[in-house]
Amino acid sequence: MVFAHDTTAALTAAVALVNSAEPPDTLTSLDQLQAFFDEHGYSGRRPETEAELEEVRALRAPLRTLLTADRDTAATMVNAMLAEYGAVPQLVRHDGWDYHLHAIDRDAPFDRRIVVETAMAMVDVVRADELSRFSVCADENCAGIVLDLSRNRSKRFCSVACGNRVAVAAYRARRG
């Protein structure tokens, strides 16, 4: 299944945010938060305070729960998230992207934008019954989330580093 650009972008950002908690934590400074904002193409007001950093860091556990939930739990969580922030979907164009959905003001606090954009993306995932696109990294020493958007659903690792680590360990075990 091919998702719309905004859905793919929001899911990719949510997985990156959740995985930033895996050792070593890669979201410990305001500079790292602003780099995350830029890397994932967020629009609107940039985060500028340590308080915003802590609010975004606090999202990692609930988003992990959402991304690893069964379909019914995910639907319940999405509905609660959208209701909590009074999400009102609207079609918008900006930054060279054609019409796509936004459901919260561009200048809302960054943590709220992340929650609403992730919830809106998960609407598509739940409706299409594609929660199997999410899994936990196959590296037994990692708990990162994998977002598999490949056609054949073959992605097993959350990062190249995890895949390489497992391949090297398997090679050494064979030579052993």
N, C-alpha and C. Protein backbone atom coordinates (compact mmCIF):
# COMPACT_ATOMS: atom_id res chain seq x y z
N MET A 1 0.84 -1.18 0.00
CA MET A 1 0.00 0.00 0.00
C MET A 1 0.88 1.23 0.00
N VAL A 2 0.56 2.15 -0.83
CA VAL A 2 1.28 3.41 -0.89
C VAL A 2 0.42 4.46 -0.18
N PHE A 3 1.00 5.09 0.82
CA PHE A 3 0.30 6.14 1.55
C PHE A 3 0.60 7.49 0.92
N ALA A 4 -0.25 8.47 1.16
CA ALA A 4 -0.02 9.84 0.71
C ALA A 4 1.25 10.38 1.36
N HIS A 5 1.83 11.37 0.71
CA HIS A 5 3.09 11.95 1.20
C HIS A 5 2.99 12.39 2.66
N ASP A 6 1.91 13.10 3.03
CA ASP A 6 1.81 13.61 4.39
C ASP A 6 1.69 12.47 5.40
N THR A 7 1.05 11.40 5.02
CA THR A 7 0.93 10.24 5.92
C THR A 7 2.30 9.60 6.12
N THR A 8 3.01 9.36 5.03
CA THR A 8 4.34 8.77 5.11
C THR A 8 5.28 9.66 5.92
N ALA A 9 5.24 10.96 5.69
CA ALA A 9 6.11 11.88 6.42
C ALA A 9 5.82 11.86 7.92
N ALA A 10 4.54 11.87 8.29
CA ALA A 10 4.17 11.87 9.70
C ALA A 10 4.56 10.56 10.37
N LEU A 11 4.36 9.44 9.68
CA LEU A 11 4.73 8.14 10.25
C LEU A 11 6.24 8.03 10.41
N THR A 12 6.97 8.48 9.41
CA THR A 12 8.44 8.44 9.48
C THR A 12 8.94 9.29 10.63
N ALA A 13 8.37 10.48 10.81
CA ALA A 13 8.77 11.36 11.91
C ALA A 13 8.42 10.74 13.26
N ALA A 14 7.25 10.14 13.36
CA ALA A 14 6.84 9.53 14.63
C ALA A 14 7.78 8.38 15.01
N VAL A 15 8.13 7.55 14.03
CA VAL A 15 9.06 6.44 14.30
C VAL A 15 10.43 6.99 14.70
N ALA A 16 10.90 8.02 14.01
CA ALA A 16 12.19 8.62 14.35
C ALA A 16 12.16 9.20 15.77
N LEU A 17 11.04 9.83 16.12
CA LEU A 17 10.93 10.39 17.47
C LEU A 17 10.95 9.27 18.52
N VAL A 18 10.17 8.23 18.31
CA VAL A 18 10.15 7.11 19.25
C VAL A 18 11.54 6.49 19.36
N ASN A 19 12.18 6.28 18.22
CA ASN A 19 13.50 5.63 18.22
C ASN A 19 14.59 6.52 18.78
N SER A 20 14.35 7.81 18.88
CA SER A 20 15.37 8.70 19.47
C SER A 20 15.61 8.38 20.94
N ALA A 21 14.70 7.66 21.56
CA ALA A 21 14.86 7.28 22.97
C ALA A 21 15.79 6.07 23.15
N GLU A 22 16.02 5.33 22.06
CA GLU A 22 16.91 4.16 22.14
C GLU A 22 18.34 4.64 22.40
N PRO A 23 19.07 3.90 23.23
CA PRO A 23 20.45 4.31 23.52
C PRO A 23 21.29 4.33 22.25
N PRO A 24 22.07 5.36 22.05
CA PRO A 24 22.13 6.57 22.86
C PRO A 24 20.98 7.52 22.51
N ASP A 25 20.42 8.15 23.51
CA ASP A 25 19.33 9.10 23.31
C ASP A 25 19.81 10.20 22.36
N THR A 26 19.08 10.40 21.27
CA THR A 26 19.49 11.40 20.27
C THR A 26 18.61 12.63 20.28
N LEU A 27 17.88 12.84 21.36
CA LEU A 27 17.04 14.04 21.47
C LEU A 27 17.20 14.61 22.88
N THR A 28 18.39 15.17 23.12
CA THR A 28 18.70 15.68 24.46
C THR A 28 18.93 17.19 24.49
N SER A 29 18.96 17.82 23.31
CA SER A 29 19.23 19.26 23.28
C SER A 29 18.25 19.96 22.35
N LEU A 30 18.14 21.25 22.53
CA LEU A 30 17.29 22.06 21.67
C LEU A 30 17.79 22.03 20.23
N ASP A 31 19.11 21.99 20.04
CA ASP A 31 19.66 21.89 18.69
C ASP A 31 19.21 20.60 18.01
N GLN A 32 19.19 19.50 18.75
CA GLN A 32 18.74 18.24 18.19
C GLN A 32 17.24 18.29 17.86
N LEU A 33 16.45 18.95 18.70
CA LEU A 33 15.02 19.09 18.43
C LEU A 33 14.80 19.92 17.17
N GLN A 34 15.55 20.99 17.02
CA GLN A 34 15.40 21.82 15.82
C GLN A 34 15.87 21.07 14.57
N ALA A 35 16.89 20.24 14.70
CA ALA A 35 17.33 19.41 13.58
C ALA A 35 16.24 18.41 13.21
N PHE A 36 15.57 17.84 14.21
CA PHE A 36 14.45 16.92 13.98
C PHE A 36 13.33 17.66 13.23
N PHE A 37 13.01 18.86 13.67
CA PHE A 37 11.99 19.70 13.04
C PHE A 37 12.32 19.90 11.57
N ASP A 38 13.57 20.27 11.29
CA ASP A 38 14.00 20.52 9.90
C ASP A 38 14.03 19.23 9.08
N GLU A 39 14.60 18.18 9.64
CA GLU A 39 14.75 16.92 8.91
C GLU A 39 13.40 16.36 8.46
N HIS A 40 12.38 16.54 9.28
CA HIS A 40 11.08 15.95 8.98
C HIS A 40 10.10 16.94 8.35
N GLY A 41 10.60 18.11 7.97
CA GLY A 41 9.83 19.04 7.16
C GLY A 41 8.60 19.62 7.83
N TYR A 42 8.66 19.82 9.14
CA TYR A 42 7.53 20.43 9.82
C TYR A 42 7.38 21.88 9.37
N SER A 43 6.16 22.35 9.35
CA SER A 43 5.90 23.75 9.02
C SER A 43 5.47 24.47 10.29
N GLY A 44 5.37 25.77 10.20
CA GLY A 44 4.93 26.54 11.36
C GLY A 44 6.08 26.94 12.25
N ARG A 45 5.71 27.32 13.46
CA ARG A 45 6.67 27.86 14.42
C ARG A 45 7.66 26.78 14.87
N ARG A 46 8.94 27.16 14.83
CA ARG A 46 10.01 26.26 15.28
C ARG A 46 10.04 26.19 16.80
N PRO A 47 10.35 25.03 17.36
CA PRO A 47 10.50 24.94 18.82
C PRO A 47 11.74 25.73 19.25
N GLU A 48 11.61 26.47 20.35
CA GLU A 48 12.70 27.35 20.76
C GLU A 48 13.06 27.28 22.23
N THR A 49 12.38 26.43 23.00
CA THR A 49 12.65 26.42 24.44
C THR A 49 12.93 25.01 24.95
N GLU A 50 13.60 24.96 26.09
CA GLU A 50 13.86 23.68 26.74
C GLU A 50 12.55 23.01 27.14
N ALA A 51 11.55 23.81 27.49
CA ALA A 51 10.24 23.25 27.86
C ALA A 51 9.64 22.51 26.67
N GLU A 52 9.78 23.07 25.47
CA GLU A 52 9.27 22.40 24.27
C GLU A 52 10.02 21.09 24.03
N LEU A 53 11.32 21.11 24.26
CA LEU A 53 12.11 19.89 24.13
C LEU A 53 11.56 18.81 25.06
N GLU A 54 11.31 19.15 26.30
CA GLU A 54 10.81 18.17 27.26
C GLU A 54 9.41 17.68 26.89
N GLU A 55 8.57 18.58 26.36
CA GLU A 55 7.22 18.17 25.93
C GLU A 55 7.29 17.17 24.78
N VAL A 56 8.20 17.40 23.85
CA VAL A 56 8.35 16.47 22.72
C VAL A 56 8.95 15.16 23.20
N ARG A 57 9.95 15.22 24.07
CA ARG A 57 10.54 13.99 24.62
C ARG A 57 9.48 13.15 25.33
N ALA A 58 8.54 13.80 25.99
CA ALA A 58 7.49 13.08 26.73
C ALA A 58 6.53 12.33 25.80
N LEU A 59 6.53 12.67 24.51
CA LEU A 59 5.65 11.99 23.55
C LEU A 59 6.17 10.61 23.15
N ARG A 60 7.42 10.35 23.38
CA ARG A 60 8.02 9.13 22.85
C ARG A 60 7.32 7.87 23.37
N ALA A 61 7.04 7.80 24.64
CA ALA A 61 6.39 6.60 25.19
C ALA A 61 4.95 6.44 24.67
N PRO A 62 4.11 7.48 24.71
CA PRO A 62 2.75 7.28 24.19
C PRO A 62 2.71 6.98 22.69
N LEU A 63 3.61 7.59 21.92
CA LEU A 63 3.64 7.29 20.49
C LEU A 63 4.12 5.86 20.25
N ARG A 64 5.04 5.39 21.06
CA ARG A 64 5.48 4.00 20.95
C ARG A 64 4.30 3.06 21.19
N THR A 65 3.50 3.38 22.21
CA THR A 65 2.31 2.57 22.50
C THR A 65 1.37 2.57 21.30
N LEU A 66 1.16 3.73 20.70
CA LEU A 66 0.28 3.83 19.54
C LEU A 66 0.81 3.01 18.37
N LEU A 67 2.09 3.13 18.08
CA LEU A 67 2.68 2.48 16.91
C LEU A 67 2.79 0.96 17.06
N THR A 68 2.69 0.46 18.28
CA THR A 68 2.77 -0.98 18.51
C THR A 68 1.43 -1.57 18.95
N ALA A 69 0.38 -0.77 18.90
CA ALA A 69 -0.94 -1.22 19.36
C ALA A 69 -1.63 -2.08 18.32
N ASP A 70 -2.60 -2.87 18.79
CA ASP A 70 -3.47 -3.59 17.86
C ASP A 70 -4.44 -2.58 17.25
N ARG A 71 -5.16 -2.99 16.25
CA ARG A 71 -6.00 -2.09 15.47
C ARG A 71 -7.06 -1.37 16.32
N ASP A 72 -7.77 -2.11 17.17
CA ASP A 72 -8.82 -1.49 17.98
C ASP A 72 -8.24 -0.49 18.99
N THR A 73 -7.13 -0.85 19.60
CA THR A 73 -6.49 0.06 20.55
C THR A 73 -5.98 1.30 19.83
N ALA A 74 -5.38 1.11 18.67
CA ALA A 74 -4.88 2.24 17.89
C ALA A 74 -6.03 3.18 17.52
N ALA A 75 -7.16 2.63 17.10
CA ALA A 75 -8.31 3.46 16.74
C ALA A 75 -8.80 4.26 17.94
N THR A 76 -8.86 3.64 19.09
CA THR A 76 -9.29 4.33 20.31
C THR A 76 -8.31 5.44 20.66
N MET A 77 -7.03 5.15 20.58
CA MET A 77 -6.01 6.15 20.89
C MET A 77 -6.06 7.32 19.92
N VAL A 78 -6.19 7.03 18.62
CA VAL A 78 -6.26 8.09 17.61
C VAL A 78 -7.46 8.99 17.88
N ASN A 79 -8.61 8.39 18.14
CA ASN A 79 -9.81 9.19 18.41
C ASN A 79 -9.61 10.09 19.63
N ALA A 80 -8.99 9.56 20.67
CA ALA A 80 -8.74 10.36 21.88
C ALA A 80 -7.77 11.51 21.59
N MET A 81 -6.72 11.23 20.82
CA MET A 81 -5.73 12.27 20.50
C MET A 81 -6.37 13.39 19.69
N LEU A 82 -7.13 13.03 18.69
CA LEU A 82 -7.77 14.04 17.84
C LEU A 82 -8.79 14.86 18.62
N ALA A 83 -9.53 14.21 19.50
CA ALA A 83 -10.53 14.92 20.31
C ALA A 83 -9.85 15.86 21.31
N GLU A 84 -8.77 15.37 21.93
CA GLU A 84 -8.09 16.18 22.95
C GLU A 84 -7.63 17.53 22.40
N TYR A 85 -7.17 17.54 21.15
CA TYR A 85 -6.65 18.78 20.58
C TYR A 85 -7.61 19.44 19.61
N GLY A 86 -8.86 18.97 19.58
CA GLY A 86 -9.87 19.60 18.74
C GLY A 86 -9.47 19.64 17.28
N ALA A 87 -8.93 18.54 16.79
CA ALA A 87 -8.44 18.49 15.41
C ALA A 87 -9.56 18.75 14.41
N VAL A 88 -9.28 19.65 13.49
CA VAL A 88 -10.23 19.99 12.42
C VAL A 88 -9.48 19.86 11.11
N PRO A 89 -9.64 18.72 10.42
CA PRO A 89 -8.89 18.51 9.17
C PRO A 89 -9.22 19.56 8.11
N GLN A 90 -8.16 20.05 7.48
CA GLN A 90 -8.30 21.02 6.40
C GLN A 90 -7.26 20.72 5.33
N LEU A 91 -7.63 20.97 4.09
CA LEU A 91 -6.69 20.83 2.99
C LEU A 91 -5.83 22.09 2.89
N VAL A 92 -4.51 21.89 2.82
CA VAL A 92 -3.59 23.03 2.72
C VAL A 92 -2.51 22.72 1.70
N ARG A 93 -1.91 23.78 1.15
CA ARG A 93 -0.72 23.68 0.31
C ARG A 93 0.33 24.58 0.92
N HIS A 94 1.55 24.09 0.96
CA HIS A 94 2.66 24.92 1.45
C HIS A 94 3.99 24.28 1.08
N ASP A 95 5.01 25.10 1.07
CA ASP A 95 6.38 24.64 0.86
C ASP A 95 6.54 23.71 -0.34
N GLY A 96 5.81 23.99 -1.41
CA GLY A 96 5.94 23.20 -2.63
C GLY A 96 5.13 21.91 -2.64
N TRP A 97 4.42 21.60 -1.57
CA TRP A 97 3.59 20.40 -1.52
C TRP A 97 2.18 20.75 -1.95
N ASP A 98 1.59 19.89 -2.76
CA ASP A 98 0.21 20.08 -3.18
C ASP A 98 -0.71 19.85 -1.98
N TYR A 99 -2.01 19.90 -2.21
CA TYR A 99 -2.96 19.76 -1.12
C TYR A 99 -2.73 18.49 -0.31
N HIS A 100 -2.75 18.67 0.99
CA HIS A 100 -2.67 17.57 1.94
C HIS A 100 -3.38 18.01 3.21
N LEU A 101 -3.54 17.10 4.15
CA LEU A 101 -4.31 17.41 5.35
C LEU A 101 -3.45 17.96 6.47
N HIS A 102 -3.95 19.01 7.09
CA HIS A 102 -3.46 19.48 8.38
C HIS A 102 -4.69 19.54 9.27
N ALA A 103 -4.53 19.26 10.53
CA ALA A 103 -5.69 19.25 11.42
C ALA A 103 -5.47 20.07 12.67
N ILE A 104 -4.40 20.85 12.67
CA ILE A 104 -4.09 21.72 13.80
C ILE A 104 -3.35 22.92 13.25
N ASP A 105 -3.50 24.03 13.90
CA ASP A 105 -2.86 25.27 13.45
C ASP A 105 -1.35 25.12 13.39
N ARG A 106 -0.74 25.68 12.34
CA ARG A 106 0.72 25.59 12.15
C ARG A 106 1.51 26.17 13.30
N ASP A 107 0.90 27.06 14.06
CA ASP A 107 1.61 27.70 15.16
C ASP A 107 1.24 27.13 16.53
N ALA A 108 0.51 26.02 16.54
CA ALA A 108 0.21 25.33 17.80
C ALA A 108 1.53 24.81 18.37
N PRO A 109 1.57 24.55 19.67
CA PRO A 109 2.81 23.99 20.23
C PRO A 109 3.26 22.75 19.46
N PHE A 110 4.56 22.63 19.32
CA PHE A 110 5.14 21.58 18.48
C PHE A 110 4.71 20.18 18.93
N ASP A 111 4.67 19.93 20.23
CA ASP A 111 4.28 18.59 20.69
C ASP A 111 2.85 18.27 20.27
N ARG A 112 1.96 19.24 20.28
CA ARG A 112 0.58 19.02 19.85
C ARG A 112 0.51 18.76 18.35
N ARG A 113 1.32 19.47 17.58
CA ARG A 113 1.35 19.23 16.13
C ARG A 113 1.83 17.82 15.83
N ILE A 114 2.83 17.35 16.57
CA ILE A 114 3.32 15.99 16.36
C ILE A 114 2.22 14.98 16.65
N VAL A 115 1.52 15.16 17.78
CA VAL A 115 0.46 14.22 18.15
C VAL A 115 -0.63 14.20 17.10
N VAL A 116 -1.10 15.37 16.68
CA VAL A 116 -2.21 15.43 15.73
C VAL A 116 -1.78 14.90 14.36
N GLU A 117 -0.59 15.26 13.90
CA GLU A 117 -0.14 14.77 12.60
C GLU A 117 0.06 13.25 12.62
N THR A 118 0.57 12.73 13.72
CA THR A 118 0.72 11.28 13.84
C THR A 118 -0.65 10.61 13.87
N ALA A 119 -1.57 11.17 14.64
CA ALA A 119 -2.92 10.59 14.72
C ALA A 119 -3.60 10.62 13.36
N MET A 120 -3.46 11.71 12.63
CA MET A 120 -4.07 11.79 11.29
C MET A 120 -3.46 10.74 10.36
N ALA A 121 -2.16 10.52 10.45
CA ALA A 121 -1.52 9.50 9.63
C ALA A 121 -2.01 8.11 10.02
N MET A 122 -2.18 7.91 11.32
CA MET A 122 -2.64 6.61 11.79
C MET A 122 -4.09 6.34 11.38
N VAL A 123 -4.87 7.38 11.10
CA VAL A 123 -6.22 7.18 10.57
C VAL A 123 -6.12 6.35 9.29
N ASP A 124 -5.20 6.73 8.41
CA ASP A 124 -5.02 6.00 7.15
C ASP A 124 -4.55 4.57 7.41
N VAL A 125 -3.62 4.40 8.34
CA VAL A 125 -3.07 3.08 8.64
C VAL A 125 -4.16 2.17 9.19
N VAL A 126 -4.95 2.67 10.12
CA VAL A 126 -6.02 1.86 10.72
C VAL A 126 -7.09 1.54 9.69
N ARG A 127 -7.50 2.54 8.92
CA ARG A 127 -8.54 2.30 7.92
C ARG A 127 -8.12 1.27 6.89
N ALA A 128 -6.85 1.27 6.53
CA ALA A 128 -6.34 0.33 5.54
C ALA A 128 -5.92 -1.01 6.17
N ASP A 129 -6.07 -1.10 7.49
CA ASP A 129 -5.66 -2.30 8.23
C ASP A 129 -4.21 -2.66 7.90
N GLU A 130 -3.33 -1.65 8.02
CA GLU A 130 -1.92 -1.81 7.67
C GLU A 130 -1.00 -1.66 8.89
N LEU A 131 -1.49 -1.98 10.08
CA LEU A 131 -0.65 -1.87 11.27
C LEU A 131 0.53 -2.84 11.23
N SER A 132 0.46 -3.84 10.37
CA SER A 132 1.59 -4.76 10.23
C SER A 132 2.80 -4.06 9.61
N ARG A 133 2.62 -2.83 9.17
CA ARG A 133 3.75 -2.04 8.65
C ARG A 133 4.71 -1.65 9.77
N PHE A 134 4.26 -1.80 11.02
CA PHE A 134 5.09 -1.47 12.19
C PHE A 134 5.52 -2.77 12.87
N SER A 135 6.76 -2.80 13.31
CA SER A 135 7.26 -3.93 14.09
C SER A 135 8.39 -3.43 14.98
N VAL A 136 8.87 -4.32 15.82
CA VAL A 136 10.02 -4.00 16.66
C VAL A 136 11.26 -4.55 15.95
N CYS A 137 12.34 -3.83 16.04
CA CYS A 137 13.60 -4.19 15.38
C CYS A 137 13.97 -5.65 15.66
N ALA A 138 14.46 -6.33 14.63
CA ALA A 138 14.84 -7.74 14.74
C ALA A 138 16.17 -7.93 15.47
N ASP A 139 16.88 -6.85 15.75
CA ASP A 139 18.10 -6.94 16.56
C ASP A 139 17.67 -7.15 18.01
N GLU A 140 18.03 -8.29 18.58
CA GLU A 140 17.56 -8.61 19.93
C GLU A 140 18.05 -7.62 20.99
N ASN A 141 19.04 -6.81 20.67
CA ASN A 141 19.55 -5.81 21.60
C ASN A 141 18.96 -4.43 21.36
N CYS A 142 17.93 -4.35 20.54
CA CYS A 142 17.32 -3.06 20.20
C CYS A 142 15.81 -3.17 20.33
N ALA A 143 15.20 -2.11 20.79
CA ALA A 143 13.74 -2.07 20.90
C ALA A 143 13.16 -1.02 19.97
N GLY A 144 13.94 -0.59 18.97
CA GLY A 144 13.47 0.43 18.03
C GLY A 144 12.28 -0.05 17.23
N ILE A 145 11.51 0.91 16.74
CA ILE A 145 10.34 0.62 15.91
C ILE A 145 10.77 0.64 14.45
N VAL A 146 10.25 -0.31 13.69
CA VAL A 146 10.50 -0.39 12.25
C VAL A 146 9.23 0.03 11.52
N LEU A 147 9.36 0.95 10.59
CA LEU A 147 8.26 1.31 9.69
C LEU A 147 8.63 0.73 8.34
N ASP A 148 7.88 -0.28 7.91
CA ASP A 148 8.18 -0.97 6.66
C ASP A 148 7.18 -0.53 5.60
N LEU A 149 7.63 0.34 4.72
CA LEU A 149 6.79 0.81 3.62
C LEU A 149 7.15 0.11 2.31
N SER A 150 7.98 -0.94 2.41
CA SER A 150 8.38 -1.67 1.20
C SER A 150 7.21 -2.48 0.66
N ARG A 151 7.27 -2.75 -0.61
CA ARG A 151 6.21 -3.52 -1.27
C ARG A 151 6.14 -4.94 -0.71
N ASN A 152 7.30 -5.54 -0.47
CA ASN A 152 7.31 -6.95 -0.03
C ASN A 152 7.39 -7.11 1.49
N ARG A 153 7.33 -6.02 2.21
CA ARG A 153 7.32 -6.05 3.68
C ARG A 153 8.51 -6.82 4.24
N SER A 154 9.68 -6.50 3.76
CA SER A 154 10.88 -7.24 4.14
C SER A 154 11.77 -6.51 5.13
N LYS A 155 11.44 -5.31 5.50
CA LYS A 155 12.30 -4.54 6.40
C LYS A 155 12.22 -5.13 7.80
N ARG A 156 13.39 -5.42 8.38
CA ARG A 156 13.43 -6.06 9.70
C ARG A 156 14.11 -5.22 10.77
N PHE A 157 14.89 -4.23 10.35
CA PHE A 157 15.70 -3.49 11.30
C PHE A 157 15.32 -2.01 11.29
N CYS A 158 15.47 -1.37 12.43
CA CYS A 158 15.10 0.04 12.54
C CYS A 158 16.15 0.95 11.92
N SER A 159 17.34 0.43 11.74
CA SER A 159 18.41 1.25 11.16
C SER A 159 19.42 0.35 10.46
N VAL A 160 20.23 0.95 9.64
CA VAL A 160 21.32 0.23 8.97
C VAL A 160 22.29 -0.30 10.02
N ALA A 161 22.51 0.46 11.08
CA ALA A 161 23.44 0.04 12.13
C ALA A 161 22.99 -1.28 12.76
N CYS A 162 21.70 -1.40 13.03
CA CYS A 162 21.20 -2.65 13.62
C CYS A 162 21.34 -3.81 12.64
N GLY A 163 21.00 -3.59 11.39
CA GLY A 163 21.15 -4.63 10.39
C GLY A 163 22.59 -5.07 10.25
N ASN A 164 23.50 -4.11 10.22
CA ASN A 164 24.93 -4.44 10.10
C ASN A 164 25.42 -5.20 11.33
N ARG A 165 24.98 -4.77 12.51
CA ARG A 165 25.41 -5.43 13.75
C ARG A 165 24.99 -6.91 13.75
N VAL A 166 23.76 -7.20 13.33
CA VAL A 166 23.28 -8.58 13.28
C VAL A 166 24.03 -9.37 12.21
N ALA A 167 24.27 -8.75 11.06
CA ALA A 167 25.00 -9.45 9.99
C ALA A 167 26.42 -9.78 10.41
N VAL A 168 27.10 -8.86 11.07
CA VAL A 168 28.47 -9.11 11.54
C VAL A 168 28.47 -10.22 12.59
N ALA A 169 27.51 -10.17 13.50
CA ALA A 169 27.43 -11.22 14.54
C ALA A 169 27.19 -12.59 13.90
N ALA A 170 26.32 -12.66 12.88
CA ALA A 170 26.05 -13.92 12.20
C ALA A 170 27.29 -14.41 11.46
N TYR A 171 28.01 -13.50 10.83
CA TYR A 171 29.24 -13.85 10.12
C TYR A 171 30.27 -14.42 11.11
N ARG A 172 30.43 -13.73 12.22
CA ARG A 172 31.41 -14.19 13.22
C ARG A 172 31.00 -15.55 13.80
N ALA A 173 29.71 -15.76 13.97
CA ALA A 173 29.24 -17.04 14.51
C ALA A 173 29.51 -18.18 13.51
N ARG A 174 29.36 -17.91 12.23
CA ARG A 174 29.63 -18.92 11.21
C ARG A 174 31.13 -19.25 11.13
N ARG A 175 31.95 -18.24 11.31
CA ARG A 175 33.40 -18.44 11.20
C ARG A 175 33.98 -19.05 12.46
N GLY A 176 33.23 -18.92 13.54
CA GLY A 176 33.59 -19.20 14.84
C GLY A 176 34.20 -20.30 15.44
